[in-house]
Amino acid sequence: IQTSDLMQAKASNNSVKLLLRNGY
């Protein structure tokens, strides 16, 4: 449902913050 900005992710530890929702 949301992810951190890709350009910021490239500048900080090569990671992306994902927000995942359990719709089950």
mmCIF file of all heavy atoms, coordinates in Angstrom:
data_MODEL
# 
_entry.id   MODEL 
# 
loop_
_atom_site.group_PDB 
_atom_site.id 
_atom_site.type_symbol 
_atom_site.label_atom_id 
_atom_site.label_alt_id 
_atom_site.label_comp_id 
_atom_site.label_asym_id 
_atom_site.label_entity_id 
_atom_site.label_seq_id 
_atom_site.pdbx_PDB_ins_code 
_atom_site.Cartn_x 
_atom_site.Cartn_y 
_atom_site.Cartn_z 
_atom_site.occupancy 
_atom_site.B_iso_or_equiv 
_atom_site.pdbx_formal_charge 
_atom_site.auth_seq_id 
_atom_site.auth_comp_id 
_atom_site.auth_asym_id 
_atom_site.auth_atom_id 
_atom_site.pdbx_PDB_model_num 
ATOM 1   N N   . ILE A 1 1  ? 0.817  -1.213  0.000  1.00 0.00 ? 1  ILE A N   1 
ATOM 2   C CA  . ILE A 1 1  ? 0.000  0.000   0.000  1.00 0.00 ? 1  ILE A CA  1 
ATOM 3   C C   . ILE A 1 1  ? 0.850  1.261   0.000  1.00 0.00 ? 1  ILE A C   1 
ATOM 4   O O   . ILE A 1 1  ? 0.361  2.354   -0.258 1.00 0.00 ? 1  ILE A O   1 
ATOM 5   C CB  . ILE A 1 1  ? -0.974 0.024   1.193  1.00 0.00 ? 1  ILE A CB  1 
ATOM 6   C CG1 . ILE A 1 1  ? -0.211 0.027   2.519  1.00 0.00 ? 1  ILE A CG1 1 
ATOM 7   C CG2 . ILE A 1 1  ? -1.944 -1.145  1.122  1.00 0.00 ? 1  ILE A CG2 1 
ATOM 8   C CD1 . ILE A 1 1  ? -1.110 0.282   3.719  1.00 0.00 ? 1  ILE A CD1 1 
ATOM 9   N N   . GLN A 1 2  ? 2.136  1.106   0.282  1.00 0.00 ? 2  GLN A N   1 
ATOM 10  C CA  . GLN A 1 2  ? 3.029  2.270   0.275  1.00 0.00 ? 2  GLN A CA  1 
ATOM 11  C C   . GLN A 1 2  ? 4.464  1.794   0.271  1.00 0.00 ? 2  GLN A C   1 
ATOM 12  O O   . GLN A 1 2  ? 4.770  0.717   0.779  1.00 0.00 ? 2  GLN A O   1 
ATOM 13  C CB  . GLN A 1 2  ? 2.775  3.159   1.498  1.00 0.00 ? 2  GLN A CB  1 
ATOM 14  C CG  . GLN A 1 2  ? 3.574  4.465   1.498  1.00 0.00 ? 2  GLN A CG  1 
ATOM 15  C CD  . GLN A 1 2  ? 3.241  5.320   2.711  1.00 0.00 ? 2  GLN A CD  1 
ATOM 16  O OE1 . GLN A 1 2  ? 2.153  5.220   3.269  1.00 0.00 ? 2  GLN A OE1 1 
ATOM 17  N NE2 . GLN A 1 2  ? 4.178  6.147   3.112  1.00 0.00 ? 2  GLN A NE2 1 
ATOM 18  N N   . THR A 1 3  ? 5.358  2.580   -0.314 1.00 0.00 ? 3  THR A N   1 
ATOM 19  C CA  . THR A 1 3  ? 6.781  2.281   -0.260 1.00 0.00 ? 3  THR A CA  1 
ATOM 20  C C   . THR A 1 3  ? 7.558  3.582   -0.102 1.00 0.00 ? 3  THR A C   1 
ATOM 21  O O   . THR A 1 3  ? 7.078  4.653   -0.481 1.00 0.00 ? 3  THR A O   1 
ATOM 22  C CB  . THR A 1 3  ? 7.245  1.549   -1.534 1.00 0.00 ? 3  THR A CB  1 
ATOM 23  O OG1 . THR A 1 3  ? 8.615  1.193   -1.416 1.00 0.00 ? 3  THR A OG1 1 
ATOM 24  C CG2 . THR A 1 3  ? 7.079  2.417   -2.766 1.00 0.00 ? 3  THR A CG2 1 
ATOM 25  N N   . SER A 1 4  ? 8.741  3.509   0.473  1.00 0.00 ? 4  SER A N   1 
ATOM 26  C CA  . SER A 1 4  ? 9.573  4.693   0.622  1.00 0.00 ? 4  SER A CA  1 
ATOM 27  C C   . SER A 1 4  ? 10.068 5.150   -0.739 1.00 0.00 ? 4  SER A C   1 
ATOM 28  O O   . SER A 1 4  ? 10.103 4.386   -1.699 1.00 0.00 ? 4  SER A O   1 
ATOM 29  C CB  . SER A 1 4  ? 10.760 4.397   1.547  1.00 0.00 ? 4  SER A CB  1 
ATOM 30  O OG  . SER A 1 4  ? 11.556 3.353   1.014  1.00 0.00 ? 4  SER A OG  1 
ATOM 31  N N   . ASP A 1 5  ? 10.473 6.396   -0.812 1.00 0.00 ? 5  ASP A N   1 
ATOM 32  C CA  . ASP A 1 5  ? 10.943 6.962   -2.064 1.00 0.00 ? 5  ASP A CA  1 
ATOM 33  C C   . ASP A 1 5  ? 12.172 6.220   -2.576 1.00 0.00 ? 5  ASP A C   1 
ATOM 34  O O   . ASP A 1 5  ? 13.119 5.985   -1.846 1.00 0.00 ? 5  ASP A O   1 
ATOM 35  C CB  . ASP A 1 5  ? 11.291 8.446   -1.855 1.00 0.00 ? 5  ASP A CB  1 
ATOM 36  C CG  . ASP A 1 5  ? 11.652 9.128   -3.164 1.00 0.00 ? 5  ASP A CG  1 
ATOM 37  O OD1 . ASP A 1 5  ? 12.835 9.054   -3.534 1.00 0.00 ? 5  ASP A OD1 1 
ATOM 38  O OD2 . ASP A 1 5  ? 10.762 9.703   -3.800 1.00 0.00 ? 5  ASP A OD2 1 
ATOM 39  N N   . LEU A 1 6  ? 12.158 5.840   -3.827 1.00 0.00 ? 6  LEU A N   1 
ATOM 40  C CA  . LEU A 1 6  ? 13.242 5.039   -4.395 1.00 0.00 ? 6  LEU A CA  1 
ATOM 41  C C   . LEU A 1 6  ? 14.561 5.789   -4.379 1.00 0.00 ? 6  LEU A C   1 
ATOM 42  O O   . LEU A 1 6  ? 15.607 5.223   -4.083 1.00 0.00 ? 6  LEU A O   1 
ATOM 43  C CB  . LEU A 1 6  ? 12.887 4.625   -5.823 1.00 0.00 ? 6  LEU A CB  1 
ATOM 44  C CG  . LEU A 1 6  ? 13.949 3.826   -6.581 1.00 0.00 ? 6  LEU A CG  1 
ATOM 45  C CD1 . LEU A 1 6  ? 14.279 2.546   -5.839 1.00 0.00 ? 6  LEU A CD1 1 
ATOM 46  C CD2 . LEU A 1 6  ? 13.491 3.528   -7.996 1.00 0.00 ? 6  LEU A CD2 1 
ATOM 47  N N   . MET A 1 7  ? 14.540 7.071   -4.687 1.00 0.00 ? 7  MET A N   1 
ATOM 48  C CA  . MET A 1 7  ? 15.788 7.824   -4.727 1.00 0.00 ? 7  MET A CA  1 
ATOM 49  C C   . MET A 1 7  ? 16.393 7.931   -3.328 1.00 0.00 ? 7  MET A C   1 
ATOM 50  O O   . MET A 1 7  ? 17.596 7.834   -3.147 1.00 0.00 ? 7  MET A O   1 
ATOM 51  C CB  . MET A 1 7  ? 15.541 9.227   -5.304 1.00 0.00 ? 7  MET A CB  1 
ATOM 52  C CG  . MET A 1 7  ? 14.943 9.208   -6.711 1.00 0.00 ? 7  MET A CG  1 
ATOM 53  S SD  . MET A 1 7  ? 15.923 8.214   -7.875 1.00 0.00 ? 7  MET A SD  1 
ATOM 54  C CE  . MET A 1 7  ? 17.377 9.247   -8.014 1.00 0.00 ? 7  MET A CE  1 
ATOM 55  N N   . GLN A 1 8  ? 15.548 8.106   -2.303 1.00 0.00 ? 8  GLN A N   1 
ATOM 56  C CA  . GLN A 1 8  ? 16.064 8.117   -0.939 1.00 0.00 ? 8  GLN A CA  1 
ATOM 57  C C   . GLN A 1 8  ? 16.606 6.749   -0.563 1.00 0.00 ? 8  GLN A C   1 
ATOM 58  O O   . GLN A 1 8  ? 17.625 6.636   0.116  1.00 0.00 ? 8  GLN A O   1 
ATOM 59  C CB  . GLN A 1 8  ? 14.945 8.516   0.028  1.00 0.00 ? 8  GLN A CB  1 
ATOM 60  C CG  . GLN A 1 8  ? 14.489 9.961   -0.123 1.00 0.00 ? 8  GLN A CG  1 
ATOM 61  C CD  . GLN A 1 8  ? 13.357 10.291  0.827  1.00 0.00 ? 8  GLN A CD  1 
ATOM 62  O OE1 . GLN A 1 8  ? 12.865 9.428   1.548  1.00 0.00 ? 8  GLN A OE1 1 
ATOM 63  N NE2 . GLN A 1 8  ? 12.928 11.549  0.817  1.00 0.00 ? 8  GLN A NE2 1 
ATOM 64  N N   . ALA A 1 9  ? 15.934 5.704   -1.014 1.00 0.00 ? 9  ALA A N   1 
ATOM 65  C CA  . ALA A 1 9  ? 16.383 4.350   -0.698 1.00 0.00 ? 9  ALA A CA  1 
ATOM 66  C C   . ALA A 1 9  ? 17.752 4.082   -1.277 1.00 0.00 ? 9  ALA A C   1 
ATOM 67  O O   . ALA A 1 9  ? 18.583 3.424   -0.657 1.00 0.00 ? 9  ALA A O   1 
ATOM 68  C CB  . ALA A 1 9  ? 15.370 3.329   -1.235 1.00 0.00 ? 9  ALA A CB  1 
ATOM 69  N N   . LYS A 1 10 ? 18.009 4.572   -2.484 1.00 0.00 ? 10 LYS A N   1 
ATOM 70  C CA  . LYS A 1 10 ? 19.309 4.352   -3.105 1.00 0.00 ? 10 LYS A CA  1 
ATOM 71  C C   . LYS A 1 10 ? 20.421 5.029   -2.304 1.00 0.00 ? 10 LYS A C   1 
ATOM 72  O O   . LYS A 1 10 ? 21.549 4.565   -2.300 1.00 0.00 ? 10 LYS A O   1 
ATOM 73  C CB  . LYS A 1 10 ? 19.302 4.870   -4.545 1.00 0.00 ? 10 LYS A CB  1 
ATOM 74  C CG  . LYS A 1 10 ? 18.475 4.015   -5.490 1.00 0.00 ? 10 LYS A CG  1 
ATOM 75  C CD  . LYS A 1 10 ? 18.530 4.602   -6.881 1.00 0.00 ? 10 LYS A CD  1 
ATOM 76  C CE  . LYS A 1 10 ? 17.663 3.792   -7.838 1.00 0.00 ? 10 LYS A CE  1 
ATOM 77  N NZ  . LYS A 1 10 ? 18.119 2.405   -7.957 1.00 0.00 ? 10 LYS A NZ  1 
ATOM 78  N N   . ALA A 1 11 ? 20.070 6.122   -1.630 1.00 0.00 ? 11 ALA A N   1 
ATOM 79  C CA  . ALA A 1 11 ? 21.087 6.859   -0.883 1.00 0.00 ? 11 ALA A CA  1 
ATOM 80  C C   . ALA A 1 11 ? 21.274 6.326   0.536  1.00 0.00 ? 11 ALA A C   1 
ATOM 81  O O   . ALA A 1 11 ? 22.190 6.730   1.232  1.00 0.00 ? 11 ALA A O   1 
ATOM 82  C CB  . ALA A 1 11 ? 20.705 8.342   -0.827 1.00 0.00 ? 11 ALA A CB  1 
ATOM 83  N N   . SER A 1 12 ? 20.391 5.402   0.954  1.00 0.00 ? 12 SER A N   1 
ATOM 84  C CA  . SER A 1 12 ? 20.473 4.948   2.343  1.00 0.00 ? 12 SER A CA  1 
ATOM 85  C C   . SER A 1 12 ? 20.343 3.432   2.427  1.00 0.00 ? 12 SER A C   1 
ATOM 86  O O   . SER A 1 12 ? 19.252 2.894   2.435  1.00 0.00 ? 12 SER A O   1 
ATOM 87  C CB  . SER A 1 12 ? 19.367 5.611   3.169  1.00 0.00 ? 12 SER A CB  1 
ATOM 88  O OG  . SER A 1 12 ? 18.099 5.277   2.629  1.00 0.00 ? 12 SER A OG  1 
ATOM 89  N N   . ASN A 1 13 ? 21.491 2.785   2.434  1.00 0.00 ? 13 ASN A N   1 
ATOM 90  C CA  . ASN A 1 13 ? 21.584 1.360   2.768  1.00 0.00 ? 13 ASN A CA  1 
ATOM 91  C C   . ASN A 1 13 ? 20.928 0.418   1.776  1.00 0.00 ? 13 ASN A C   1 
ATOM 92  O O   . ASN A 1 13 ? 20.689 -0.740  2.090  1.00 0.00 ? 13 ASN A O   1 
ATOM 93  C CB  . ASN A 1 13 ? 20.985 1.108   4.157  1.00 0.00 ? 13 ASN A CB  1 
ATOM 94  C CG  . ASN A 1 13 ? 21.695 1.900   5.226  1.00 0.00 ? 13 ASN A CG  1 
ATOM 95  O OD1 . ASN A 1 13 ? 22.903 2.084   5.164  1.00 0.00 ? 13 ASN A OD1 1 
ATOM 96  N ND2 . ASN A 1 13 ? 20.942 2.392   6.185  1.00 0.00 ? 13 ASN A ND2 1 
ATOM 97  N N   . ASN A 1 14 ? 20.646 0.880   0.570  1.00 0.00 ? 14 ASN A N   1 
ATOM 98  C CA  . ASN A 1 14 ? 20.110 -0.007  -0.458 1.00 0.00 ? 14 ASN A CA  1 
ATOM 99  C C   . ASN A 1 14 ? 18.890 -0.784  0.031  1.00 0.00 ? 14 ASN A C   1 
ATOM 100 O O   . ASN A 1 14 ? 18.780 -1.984  -0.184 1.00 0.00 ? 14 ASN A O   1 
ATOM 101 C CB  . ASN A 1 14 ? 21.178 -1.002  -0.939 1.00 0.00 ? 14 ASN A CB  1 
ATOM 102 C CG  . ASN A 1 14 ? 22.358 -0.293  -1.566 1.00 0.00 ? 14 ASN A CG  1 
ATOM 103 O OD1 . ASN A 1 14 ? 22.269 0.866   -1.928 1.00 0.00 ? 14 ASN A OD1 1 
ATOM 104 N ND2 . ASN A 1 14 ? 23.462 -0.999  -1.699 1.00 0.00 ? 14 ASN A ND2 1 
ATOM 105 N N   . SER A 1 15 ? 17.965 -0.124  0.677  1.00 0.00 ? 15 SER A N   1 
ATOM 106 C CA  . SER A 1 15 ? 16.769 -0.810  1.153  1.00 0.00 ? 15 SER A CA  1 
ATOM 107 C C   . SER A 1 15 ? 15.545 0.055   0.887  1.00 0.00 ? 15 SER A C   1 
ATOM 108 O O   . SER A 1 15 ? 15.636 1.273   0.760  1.00 0.00 ? 15 SER A O   1 
ATOM 109 C CB  . SER A 1 15 ? 16.862 -1.135  2.643  1.00 0.00 ? 15 SER A CB  1 
ATOM 110 O OG  . SER A 1 15 ? 16.895 0.056   3.397  1.00 0.00 ? 15 SER A OG  1 
ATOM 111 N N   . VAL A 1 16 ? 14.417 -0.620  0.798  1.00 0.00 ? 16 VAL A N   1 
ATOM 112 C CA  . VAL A 1 16 ? 13.145 0.049   0.571  1.00 0.00 ? 16 VAL A CA  1 
ATOM 113 C C   . VAL A 1 16 ? 12.194 -0.362  1.678  1.00 0.00 ? 16 VAL A C   1 
ATOM 114 O O   . VAL A 1 16 ? 12.099 -1.547  2.025  1.00 0.00 ? 16 VAL A O   1 
ATOM 115 C CB  . VAL A 1 16 ? 12.554 -0.334  -0.808 1.00 0.00 ? 16 VAL A CB  1 
ATOM 116 C CG1 . VAL A 1 16 ? 11.166 0.250   -0.970 1.00 0.00 ? 16 VAL A CG1 1 
ATOM 117 C CG2 . VAL A 1 16 ? 13.455 0.141   -1.925 1.00 0.00 ? 16 VAL A CG2 1 
ATOM 118 N N   . LYS A 1 17 ? 11.488 0.587   2.248  1.00 0.00 ? 17 LYS A N   1 
ATOM 119 C CA  . LYS A 1 17 ? 10.514 0.293   3.290  1.00 0.00 ? 17 LYS A CA  1 
ATOM 120 C C   . LYS A 1 17 ? 9.164  0.051   2.629  1.00 0.00 ? 17 LYS A C   1 
ATOM 121 O O   . LYS A 1 17 ? 8.615  0.933   1.958  1.00 0.00 ? 17 LYS A O   1 
ATOM 122 C CB  . LYS A 1 17 ? 10.431 1.439   4.284  1.00 0.00 ? 17 LYS A CB  1 
ATOM 123 C CG  . LYS A 1 17 ? 9.591  1.119   5.529  1.00 0.00 ? 17 LYS A CG  1 
ATOM 124 C CD  . LYS A 1 17 ? 9.544  2.316   6.475  1.00 0.00 ? 17 LYS A CD  1 
ATOM 125 C CE  . LYS A 1 17 ? 10.905 2.660   7.024  1.00 0.00 ? 17 LYS A CE  1 
ATOM 126 N NZ  . LYS A 1 17 ? 11.460 1.587   7.889  1.00 0.00 ? 17 LYS A NZ  1 
ATOM 127 N N   . LEU A 1 18 ? 8.620  -1.143  2.821  1.00 0.00 ? 18 LEU A N   1 
ATOM 128 C CA  . LEU A 1 18 ? 7.329  -1.502  2.254  1.00 0.00 ? 18 LEU A CA  1 
ATOM 129 C C   . LEU A 1 18 ? 6.276  -1.564  3.353  1.00 0.00 ? 18 LEU A C   1 
ATOM 130 O O   . LEU A 1 18 ? 6.532  -2.072  4.442  1.00 0.00 ? 18 LEU A O   1 
ATOM 131 C CB  . LEU A 1 18 ? 7.397  -2.876  1.574  1.00 0.00 ? 18 LEU A CB  1 
ATOM 132 C CG  . LEU A 1 18 ? 8.386  -3.055  0.428  1.00 0.00 ? 18 LEU A CG  1 
ATOM 133 C CD1 . LEU A 1 18 ? 8.301  -4.488  -0.088 1.00 0.00 ? 18 LEU A CD1 1 
ATOM 134 C CD2 . LEU A 1 18 ? 8.091  -2.082  -0.696 1.00 0.00 ? 18 LEU A CD2 1 
ATOM 135 N N   . LEU A 1 19 ? 5.086  -1.059  3.055  1.00 0.00 ? 19 LEU A N   1 
ATOM 136 C CA  . LEU A 1 19 ? 3.936  -1.229  3.923  1.00 0.00 ? 19 LEU A CA  1 
ATOM 137 C C   . LEU A 1 19 ? 3.003  -2.218  3.243  1.00 0.00 ? 19 LEU A C   1 
ATOM 138 O O   . LEU A 1 19 ? 2.521  -1.966  2.125  1.00 0.00 ? 19 LEU A O   1 
ATOM 139 C CB  . LEU A 1 19 ? 3.214  0.097   4.177  1.00 0.00 ? 19 LEU A CB  1 
ATOM 140 C CG  . LEU A 1 19 ? 3.707  0.921   5.377  1.00 0.00 ? 19 LEU A CG  1 
ATOM 141 C CD1 . LEU A 1 19 ? 5.154  1.355   5.168  1.00 0.00 ? 19 LEU A CD1 1 
ATOM 142 C CD2 . LEU A 1 19 ? 2.819  2.124   5.602  1.00 0.00 ? 19 LEU A CD2 1 
ATOM 143 N N   . LEU A 1 20 ? 2.780  -3.354  3.882  1.00 0.00 ? 20 LEU A N   1 
ATOM 144 C CA  . LEU A 1 20 ? 2.007  -4.453  3.312  1.00 0.00 ? 20 LEU A CA  1 
ATOM 145 C C   . LEU A 1 20 ? 0.766  -4.694  4.164  1.00 0.00 ? 20 LEU A C   1 
ATOM 146 O O   . LEU A 1 20 ? 0.859  -4.767  5.389  1.00 0.00 ? 20 LEU A O   1 
ATOM 147 C CB  . LEU A 1 20 ? 2.852  -5.728  3.263  1.00 0.00 ? 20 LEU A CB  1 
ATOM 148 C CG  . LEU A 1 20 ? 4.112  -5.641  2.398  1.00 0.00 ? 20 LEU A CG  1 
ATOM 149 C CD1 . LEU A 1 20 ? 5.234  -6.456  2.998  1.00 0.00 ? 20 LEU A CD1 1 
ATOM 150 C CD2 . LEU A 1 20 ? 3.816  -6.125  0.993  1.00 0.00 ? 20 LEU A CD2 1 
ATOM 151 N N   . ARG A 1 21 ? -0.380 -4.837  3.502  1.00 0.00 ? 21 ARG A N   1 
ATOM 152 C CA  . ARG A 1 21 ? -1.627 -5.040  4.236  1.00 0.00 ? 21 ARG A CA  1 
ATOM 153 C C   . ARG A 1 21 ? -2.151 -6.455  4.040  1.00 0.00 ? 21 ARG A C   1 
ATOM 154 O O   . ARG A 1 21 ? -2.230 -6.958  2.920  1.00 0.00 ? 21 ARG A O   1 
ATOM 155 C CB  . ARG A 1 21 ? -2.691 -4.043  3.774  1.00 0.00 ? 21 ARG A CB  1 
ATOM 156 C CG  . ARG A 1 21 ? -4.044 -4.205  4.495  1.00 0.00 ? 21 ARG A CG  1 
ATOM 157 C CD  . ARG A 1 21 ? -4.982 -3.069  4.169  1.00 0.00 ? 21 ARG A CD  1 
ATOM 158 N NE  . ARG A 1 21 ? -5.097 -2.906  2.728  1.00 0.00 ? 21 ARG A NE  1 
ATOM 159 C CZ  . ARG A 1 21 ? -5.404 -1.755  2.129  1.00 0.00 ? 21 ARG A CZ  1 
ATOM 160 N NH1 . ARG A 1 21 ? -5.589 -0.671  2.860  1.00 0.00 ? 21 ARG A NH1 1 
ATOM 161 N NH2 . ARG A 1 21 ? -5.515 -1.682  0.819  1.00 0.00 ? 21 ARG A NH2 1 
ATOM 162 N N   . ASN A 1 22 ? -2.523 -7.094  5.152  1.00 0.00 ? 22 ASN A N   1 
ATOM 163 C CA  . ASN A 1 22 ? -3.147 -8.406  5.106  1.00 0.00 ? 22 ASN A CA  1 
ATOM 164 C C   . ASN A 1 22 ? -4.638 -8.229  4.837  1.00 0.00 ? 22 ASN A C   1 
ATOM 165 O O   . ASN A 1 22 ? -5.405 -7.860  5.718  1.00 0.00 ? 22 ASN A O   1 
ATOM 166 C CB  . ASN A 1 22 ? -2.932 -9.151  6.433  1.00 0.00 ? 22 ASN A CB  1 
ATOM 167 C CG  . ASN A 1 22 ? -3.601 -10.523 6.453  1.00 0.00 ? 22 ASN A CG  1 
ATOM 168 O OD1 . ASN A 1 22 ? -4.190 -10.963 5.467  1.00 0.00 ? 22 ASN A OD1 1 
ATOM 169 N ND2 . ASN A 1 22 ? -3.512 -11.200 7.580  1.00 0.00 ? 22 ASN A ND2 1 
ATOM 170 N N   . GLY A 1 23 ? -5.039 -8.511  3.599  1.00 0.00 ? 23 GLY A N   1 
ATOM 171 C CA  . GLY A 1 23 ? -6.438 -8.380  3.227  1.00 0.00 ? 23 GLY A CA  1 
ATOM 172 C C   . GLY A 1 23 ? -7.225 -9.666  3.347  1.00 0.00 ? 23 GLY A C   1 
ATOM 173 O O   . GLY A 1 23 ? -8.381 -9.734  2.904  1.00 0.00 ? 23 GLY A O   1 
ATOM 174 N N   . TYR A 1 24 ? -6.616 -10.691 3.939  1.00 0.00 ? 24 TYR A N   1 
ATOM 175 C CA  . TYR A 1 24 ? -7.308 -11.965 4.133  1.00 0.00 ? 24 TYR A CA  1 
ATOM 176 C C   . TYR A 1 24 ? -8.046 -11.958 5.475  1.00 0.00 ? 24 TYR A C   1 
ATOM 177 O O   . TYR A 1 24 ? -7.848 -11.072 6.306  1.00 0.00 ? 24 TYR A O   1 
ATOM 178 C CB  . TYR A 1 24 ? -6.301 -13.122 4.131  1.00 0.00 ? 24 TYR A CB  1 
ATOM 179 C CG  . TYR A 1 24 ? -5.523 -13.294 2.851  1.00 0.00 ? 24 TYR A CG  1 
ATOM 180 C CD1 . TYR A 1 24 ? -4.273 -12.710 2.698  1.00 0.00 ? 24 TYR A CD1 1 
ATOM 181 C CD2 . TYR A 1 24 ? -6.030 -14.064 1.806  1.00 0.00 ? 24 TYR A CD2 1 
ATOM 182 C CE1 . TYR A 1 24 ? -3.539 -12.884 1.534  1.00 0.00 ? 24 TYR A CE1 1 
ATOM 183 C CE2 . TYR A 1 24 ? -5.301 -14.243 0.633  1.00 0.00 ? 24 TYR A CE2 1 
ATOM 184 C CZ  . TYR A 1 24 ? -4.062 -13.653 0.507  1.00 0.00 ? 24 TYR A CZ  1 
ATOM 185 O OH  . TYR A 1 24 ? -3.341 -13.827 -0.647 1.00 0.00 ? 24 TYR A OH  1 
# 
